[in-house]
C-alpha atoms as a PDB file:
ATOM      1  CA  MET A   1      56.579 -82.497  28.250  1.00  0.00           C
ATOM      2  CA  PRO A   2      54.732 -82.882  24.684  1.00  0.00           C
ATOM      3  CA  SER A   3      54.057 -80.151  22.164  1.00  0.00           C
ATOM      4  CA  HIS A   4      50.224 -79.092  21.321  1.00  0.00           C
ATOM      5  CA  LYS A   5      51.593 -78.119  17.935  1.00  0.00           C
ATOM      6  CA  PRO A   6      49.775 -79.031  15.241  1.00  0.00           C
ATOM      7  CA  VAL A   7      52.224 -81.513  13.473  1.00  0.00           C
ATOM      8  CA  PRO A   8      52.105 -80.862   9.337  1.00  0.00           C
ATOM      9  CA  MET A   9      50.996 -83.866   7.026  1.00  0.00           C
ATOM     10  CA  VAL A  10      53.422 -82.847   4.280  1.00  0.00           C
ATOM     11  CA  PRO A  11      56.667 -80.927   3.723  1.00  0.00           C
ATOM     12  CA  SER A  12      55.787 -77.226   3.738  1.00  0.00           C
ATOM     13  CA  SER A  13      55.703 -75.725  -0.020  1.00  0.00           C
ATOM     14  CA  ILE A  14      55.421 -72.463  -1.730  1.00  0.00           C
ATOM     15  CA  LEU A  15      52.612 -71.485  -4.535  1.00  0.00           C
ATOM     16  CA  PRO A  16      53.223 -68.571  -6.558  1.00  0.00           C
ATOM     17  CA  PHE A  17      51.128 -65.591  -6.122  1.00  0.00           C
ATOM     18  CA  ALA A  18      50.425 -62.977  -8.934  1.00  0.00           C
ATOM     19  CA  VAL A  19      50.755 -59.271  -7.377  1.00  0.00           C
ATOM     20  CA  ARG A  20      50.161 -56.392  -9.169  1.00  0.00           C
ATOM     21  CA  THR A  21      48.679 -52.723  -8.312  1.00  0.00           C
ATOM     22  CA  ILE A  22      45.901 -51.488 -10.131  1.00  0.00           C
ATOM     23  CA  ALA A  23      44.123 -47.882 -10.236  1.00  0.00           C
ATOM     24  CA  ALA A  24      40.254 -47.590 -10.146  1.00  0.00           C
ATOM     25  CA  GLY A  25      38.933 -46.043 -13.312  1.00  0.00           C
ATOM     26  CA  ARG A  26      38.102 -42.173 -13.164  1.00  0.00           C
ATOM     27  CA  GLY A  27      34.836 -42.003 -10.973  1.00  0.00           C
ATOM     28  CA  ALA A  28      34.945 -45.530 -10.436  1.00  0.00           C
ATOM     29  CA  ARG A  29      33.049 -47.019  -7.346  1.00  0.00           C
ATOM     30  CA  VAL A  30      33.835 -50.292  -7.324  1.00  0.00           C
ATOM     31  CA  LEU A  31      36.994 -52.986  -7.960  1.00  0.00           C
ATOM     32  CA  CYS A  32      36.892 -55.247 -10.606  1.00  0.00           C
ATOM     33  CA  CYS A  33      38.515 -58.630 -11.149  1.00  0.00           C
ATOM     34  CA  PRO A  34      41.776 -58.525 -12.789  1.00  0.00           C
ATOM     35  CA  GLU A  35      40.865 -61.833 -14.887  1.00  0.00           C
ATOM     36  CA  CYS A  36      37.523 -61.111 -16.042  1.00  0.00           C
ATOM     37  CA  ARG A  37      36.918 -57.425 -15.027  1.00  0.00           C
ATOM     38  CA  SER A  38      33.787 -58.263 -13.246  1.00  0.00           C
ATOM     39  CA  PRO A  39      33.048 -55.900 -10.021  1.00  0.00           C
ATOM     40  CA  LEU A  40      34.312 -57.787  -7.242  1.00  0.00           C
ATOM     41  CA  ASN A  41      32.352 -58.445  -3.863  1.00  0.00           C
ATOM     42  CA  LEU A  42      34.450 -57.540  -0.838  1.00  0.00           C
ATOM     43  CA  ILE A  43      35.009 -58.921   2.438  1.00  0.00           C
ATOM     44  CA  GLN A  44      36.599 -57.139   5.392  1.00  0.00           C
ATOM     45  CA  PRO A  45      37.357 -59.449   7.499  1.00  0.00           C
ATOM     46  CA  ASP A  46      38.875 -57.321   9.781  1.00  0.00           C
ATOM     47  CA  GLU A  47      36.862 -54.658  11.407  1.00  0.00           C
ATOM     48  CA  ASN A  48      40.274 -52.873  12.682  1.00  0.00           C
ATOM     49  CA  GLU A  49      42.149 -52.941   9.242  1.00  0.00           C
ATOM     50  CA  PRO A  50      39.653 -51.335   6.805  1.00  0.00           C
ATOM     51  CA  SER A  51      42.471 -51.080   4.452  1.00  0.00           C
ATOM     52  CA  ARG A  52      42.620 -54.891   4.061  1.00  0.00           C
ATOM     53  CA  LEU A  53      40.297 -56.482   1.838  1.00  0.00           C
ATOM     54  CA  LEU A  54      39.092 -59.885  -0.044  1.00  0.00           C
ATOM     55  CA  GLY A  55      37.436 -59.768  -2.879  1.00  0.00           C
ATOM     56  CA  THR A  56      35.423 -62.726  -4.609  1.00  0.00           C
ATOM     57  CA  CYS A  57      34.778 -62.856  -8.324  1.00  0.00           C
ATOM     58  CA  GLU A  58      30.979 -64.617  -8.950  1.00  0.00           C
ATOM     59  CA  ARG A  59      31.866 -64.644 -12.666  1.00  0.00           C
ATOM     60  CA  CYS A  60      35.829 -66.625 -12.685  1.00  0.00           C
ATOM     61  CA  SER A  61      35.482 -67.269  -9.005  1.00  0.00           C
ATOM     62  CA  LYS A  62      38.936 -65.998  -8.899  1.00  0.00           C
ATOM     63  CA  TRP A  63      40.172 -64.920  -4.689  1.00  0.00           C
ATOM     64  CA  VAL A  64      42.002 -61.906  -4.457  1.00  0.00           C
ATOM     65  CA  PHE A  65      43.335 -59.806  -1.185  1.00  0.00           C
ATOM     66  CA  LEU A  66      43.291 -56.095  -1.860  1.00  0.00           C
ATOM     67  CA  VAL A  67      45.456 -53.727   0.202  1.00  0.00           C
ATOM     68  CA  GLU A  68      44.504 -49.823   0.206  1.00  0.00           C
ATOM     69  CA  LEU A  69      47.548 -48.138  -1.523  1.00  0.00           C
ATOM     70  CA  GLU A  70      46.162 -44.437  -1.480  1.00  0.00           C
ATOM     71  CA  PRO A  71      43.212 -43.022  -0.241  1.00  0.00           C
ATOM     72  CA  GLU A  72      39.440 -43.884  -1.268  1.00  0.00           C
ATOM     73  CA  TRP A  73      40.739 -46.613  -3.162  1.00  0.00           C
ATOM     74  CA  ARG A  74      42.424 -44.969  -5.773  1.00  0.00           C
ATOM     75  CA  ARG A  75      45.193 -47.404  -6.062  1.00  0.00           C
ATOM     76  CA  ALA A  76      45.605 -50.988  -4.590  1.00  0.00           C
ATOM     77  CA  LEU A  77      47.757 -53.949  -4.116  1.00  0.00           C
ATOM     78  CA  VAL A  78      46.150 -57.413  -5.778  1.00  0.00           C
ATOM     79  CA  VAL A  79      47.249 -60.364  -4.140  1.00  0.00           C
ATOM     80  CA  GLU A  80      45.683 -62.806  -6.545  1.00  0.00           C
ATOM     81  CA  LEU A  81      45.131 -66.130  -4.283  1.00  0.00           C
ATOM     82  CA  PRO A  82      45.634 -69.429  -5.816  1.00  0.00           C
ATOM     83  CA  ASP A  83      42.770 -71.537  -6.818  1.00  0.00           C
ATOM     84  CA  SER A  84      41.676 -75.115  -5.115  1.00  0.00           C
ATOM     85  CA  GLU A  85      42.927 -76.920  -8.245  1.00  0.00           C
ATOM     86  CA  ASP A  86      46.056 -75.383  -8.093  1.00  0.00           C
ATOM     87  CA  ILE A  87      46.512 -75.937  -4.209  1.00  0.00           C
ATOM     88  CA  TYR A  88      45.692 -79.686  -4.919  1.00  0.00           C
ATOM     89  CA  ARG A  89      47.798 -80.421  -7.749  1.00  0.00           C
ATOM     90  CA  LYS A  90      50.561 -78.468  -5.469  1.00  0.00           C
ATOM     91  CA  LEU A  91      49.787 -80.985  -2.581  1.00  0.00           C
ATOM     92  CA  GLU A  92      49.675 -83.987  -5.136  1.00  0.00           C
ATOM     93  CA  GLN A  93      53.410 -83.277  -5.893  1.00  0.00           C
ATOM     94  CA  LEU A  94      54.648 -82.780  -2.199  1.00  0.00           C
ATOM     95  CA  GLN A  95      52.764 -86.361  -0.719  1.00  0.00           C
ATOM     96  CA  PRO A  96      55.054 -88.444  -3.140  1.00  0.00           C
ATOM     97  CA  GLU A  97      57.866 -86.954  -1.829  1.00  0.00           C
ATOM     98  CA  SER A  98      57.005 -87.450   1.643  1.00  0.00           C
ATOM     99  CA  ARG A  99      56.408 -91.088   1.314  1.00  0.00           C
ATOM    100  CA  ASN A 100      59.754 -91.721  -0.149  1.00  0.00           C
ATOM    101  CA  ARG A 101      61.099 -90.154   3.069  1.00  0.00           C
ATOM    102  CA  ASP A 102      58.811 -92.102   5.465  1.00  0.00           C
ATOM    103  CA  ARG A 103      60.139 -95.632   3.228  1.00  0.00           C
ATOM    104  CA  ALA A 104      63.778 -94.453   3.857  1.00  0.00           C
END
């Protein structure tokens, strides 16, 4: 029976993520970008997970995944997502490996 699972075009790879915790400043009402300190645009992709947000920065284009660690976002875990340049660079590194394997 044929499989309907997608077949990866290149081998899997791991991209590095910067992970840190941040604390909201006293009386702060916004979460700021860890790179440039501008307020993040916050998106709640899953309405059932209000303690998990995606943050995007208009100023430096950074994307982060945020997880609430303390109520009212007083402390949060921030996972910085790689930008498209990092992803493309890693993909280019992987493609020659898969081409060499195909030739063997």
